[in-house]
Structure formats: C-alpha cells, structure tokens
C-alpha cells in the first residue's frame, strides 16, 4: 500500500494556435454533429469556441460522449421549458377561476346584505304591531 507518491509536474497540453478558418470549420462540424443528434437550438459563439478548443484534444469516443451529453442537455432543457409553459397556463387558468369565484362571492355578499336588511325591517315591523292595542 502506497501512502505517498512522488510529485510530478503535470504537463497540460496547450491548445495549438487555431486560425479563424480552422475555428469556423470546427464550429461548423460541431453544429453539424449536434444537429444529427437533434439539437436545433443556436449555440453561442463563445460556447462553440470553447468546444472547438476542447474537443480537438480528446479522443473520438470522448468527443462523441461530450456531444451526446450536450444533446441530452438541450433535450432536457427543451422538455423543462415545455413543462414550465404548461404549468404557467395551468396557473393562469386557476387564477381566472379564482377571480370568477371572487366575483361570485361578492355578488353573494351583496345579496346577503339585502336579505339581512329585509329581515331586520320585518323584525322591526313585527315588534311595532305587537305594541299596538287592538281594543
């Protein structure tokens, strides 16, 4: 069992200088591969630039895995967006129903006030008749 390791210098491969033409070809190739995977959304130039630089340094299998992951991310984002739109519509429907219900409650409150005033008048007129002597 090794408890220590000799410290070695990690040498990162620096990305070779890429011309703008090579960058554009790489970006076009990435976009083409993503479209084959079902990604239709536009990608930002900075994302494409980063992908071109990173994907040049990885194996073919890793490149395919990265692009598959990006495609899955876009698919998940699209599903989430659609679900949010459905939820928003449902919230708007509930809000509309609550507003309608509130309006009906206001009408019911007005009717109850009218009935209360009517019952109060009936009650008061009944008392005044009781106090009158008939003989």
Protein backbone atom coordinates (compact mmCIF):
# COMPACT_ATOMS: atom_id res chain seq x y z
CA UNK A 1 0.00 0.00 0.00
CA UNK A 2 1.40 3.36 -1.03
CA UNK A 3 0.85 6.29 1.29
CA UNK A 4 2.84 8.75 -0.65
CA UNK A 5 3.51 9.47 -4.24
CA UNK A 6 6.32 11.19 -5.90
CA UNK A 7 5.19 14.57 -7.01
CA UNK A 8 5.48 15.01 -10.73
CA UNK A 9 4.97 18.03 -12.81
CA UNK A 10 1.68 17.88 -14.58
CA UNK A 11 2.10 18.97 -18.10
CA UNK A 12 -1.07 20.18 -19.69
CA UNK A 13 -1.21 20.19 -23.38
CA UNK A 14 -1.83 23.66 -24.56
CA UNK A 15 -4.20 24.06 -27.41
CA UNK A 16 -2.36 24.68 -30.60
CA UNK A 17 -2.93 28.04 -32.19
CA UNK A 18 -6.02 27.77 -34.34
CA UNK A 19 -6.73 30.05 -37.24
CA UNK A 20 -10.13 31.65 -37.58
CA UNK A 21 -10.79 29.46 -40.63
CA UNK A 22 -9.99 26.30 -38.68
CA UNK A 23 -12.10 27.59 -35.81
CA UNK A 24 -15.05 28.14 -38.17
CA UNK A 25 -14.63 24.67 -39.72
CA UNK A 26 -14.53 23.12 -36.26
CA UNK A 27 -17.61 25.08 -35.19
CA UNK A 28 -19.48 24.05 -38.35
CA UNK A 29 -18.55 20.42 -37.76
CA UNK A 30 -19.74 20.58 -34.14
CA UNK A 31 -23.01 22.20 -35.20
CA UNK A 32 -23.50 19.53 -37.84
CA UNK A 33 -22.87 16.74 -35.34
CA UNK A 34 -25.24 18.31 -32.83
CA UNK A 35 -27.97 18.70 -35.48
CA UNK A 36 -27.65 14.99 -36.26
CA UNK A 37 -28.27 14.41 -32.55
CA UNK A 38 -31.44 16.54 -32.67
CA UNK A 39 -30.12 19.86 -31.36
CA UNK A 40 -31.71 22.67 -33.35
CA UNK A 41 -31.11 25.48 -30.87
CA UNK A 42 -28.45 28.05 -31.77
CA UNK A 43 -25.23 27.91 -29.77
CA UNK A 44 -23.42 31.00 -28.60
CA UNK A 45 -20.13 31.79 -30.34
CA UNK A 46 -18.23 31.63 -27.04
CA UNK A 47 -19.59 28.13 -26.35
CA UNK A 48 -18.63 26.98 -29.84
CA UNK A 49 -15.15 28.45 -29.48
CA UNK A 50 -14.65 26.65 -26.18
CA UNK A 51 -15.94 23.38 -27.61
CA UNK A 52 -13.69 23.56 -30.66
CA UNK A 53 -10.63 24.06 -28.48
CA UNK A 54 -11.53 21.30 -26.03
CA UNK A 55 -12.82 18.71 -28.48
CA UNK A 56 -9.65 18.88 -30.54
CA UNK A 57 -7.73 17.49 -27.55
CA UNK A 58 -9.91 14.48 -26.78
CA UNK A 59 -10.33 11.07 -28.34
CA UNK A 60 -13.07 10.28 -30.83
CA UNK A 61 -15.10 8.36 -28.22
CA UNK A 62 -14.79 11.19 -25.72
CA UNK A 63 -15.82 13.68 -28.38
CA UNK A 64 -18.92 11.63 -29.16
CA UNK A 65 -19.73 11.37 -25.45
CA UNK A 66 -19.36 15.12 -24.94
CA UNK A 67 -21.60 15.86 -27.91
CA UNK A 68 -24.15 13.28 -26.71
CA UNK A 69 -24.14 14.98 -23.31
CA UNK A 70 -24.70 18.37 -24.91
CA UNK A 71 -27.58 16.95 -26.99
CA UNK A 72 -29.16 15.41 -23.88
CA UNK A 73 -28.80 18.70 -22.04
CA UNK A 74 -30.60 20.57 -24.80
CA UNK A 75 -33.33 17.92 -24.87
CA UNK A 76 -33.81 18.19 -21.10
CA UNK A 77 -33.83 21.97 -21.30
CA UNK A 78 -36.49 21.84 -24.02
CA UNK A 79 -38.66 19.44 -22.01
CA UNK A 80 -38.30 21.63 -18.94
CA UNK A 81 -39.26 24.72 -20.94
CA UNK A 82 -42.38 22.98 -22.29
CA UNK A 83 -43.35 21.79 -18.80
CA UNK A 84 -42.93 25.31 -17.46
CA UNK A 85 -45.18 26.68 -20.21
CA UNK A 86 -47.85 24.07 -19.36
CA UNK A 87 -47.57 24.94 -15.67
CA UNK A 88 -47.87 28.64 -16.46
CA UNK A 89 -51.06 28.02 -18.47
CA UNK A 90 -52.49 25.98 -15.61
CA UNK A 91 -51.65 28.74 -13.12
CA UNK A 92 -53.36 31.29 -15.36
CA UNK A 93 -56.46 29.07 -15.54
CA UNK A 94 -56.54 28.70 -11.75
CA UNK A 95 -56.10 32.46 -11.37
CA UNK A 96 -59.01 33.06 -13.76
CA UNK A 97 -61.20 30.60 -11.82
CA UNK A 98 -60.28 32.25 -8.53
CA UNK A 99 -61.15 35.69 -9.94
CA UNK A 100 -64.51 34.35 -11.13
CA UNK A 101 -65.14 32.74 -7.75
CA UNK A 102 -64.25 36.01 -6.01
CA UNK A 103 -66.75 37.85 -8.22
CA UNK A 104 -69.47 35.34 -7.35
CA UNK A 105 -68.68 35.69 -3.64
CA UNK A 106 -69.01 39.47 -3.95
CA UNK A 107 -72.45 39.03 -5.53
CA UNK A 108 -73.46 36.61 -2.78
CA UNK A 109 -72.27 39.09 -0.14
CA UNK A 110 -74.44 41.83 -1.69
CA UNK A 111 -77.48 39.52 -1.71
CA UNK A 112 -76.86 38.60 1.92
CA UNK A 113 -76.73 42.28 2.89
CA UNK A 114 -80.05 42.93 1.13
CA UNK A 115 -81.67 39.90 2.79
CA UNK A 116 -80.30 40.94 6.18
CA UNK A 117 -81.78 44.44 5.80
CA UNK A 118 -85.13 42.93 4.72
CA UNK A 119 -85.23 40.54 7.70
CA UNK A 120 -84.32 43.39 10.05
CA UNK A 121 -87.21 45.51 8.70
CA UNK A 122 -89.62 42.58 9.03
CA UNK A 123 -88.49 42.01 12.59
CA UNK A 124 -88.88 45.70 13.50
CA UNK A 125 -92.31 45.98 11.87
CA UNK A 126 -93.40 42.85 13.77
CA UNK A 127 -92.43 44.44 17.09
CA UNK A 128 -94.36 47.63 16.37
CA UNK A 129 -97.53 45.61 15.68
CA UNK A 130 -97.18 43.73 18.95
CA UNK A 131 -97.13 47.00 20.87
CA UNK A 132 -100.39 48.23 19.32
CA UNK A 133 -103.55 47.60 21.35
CA UNK A 134 -106.45 46.23 19.38
CA UNK A 135 -109.30 47.14 21.86
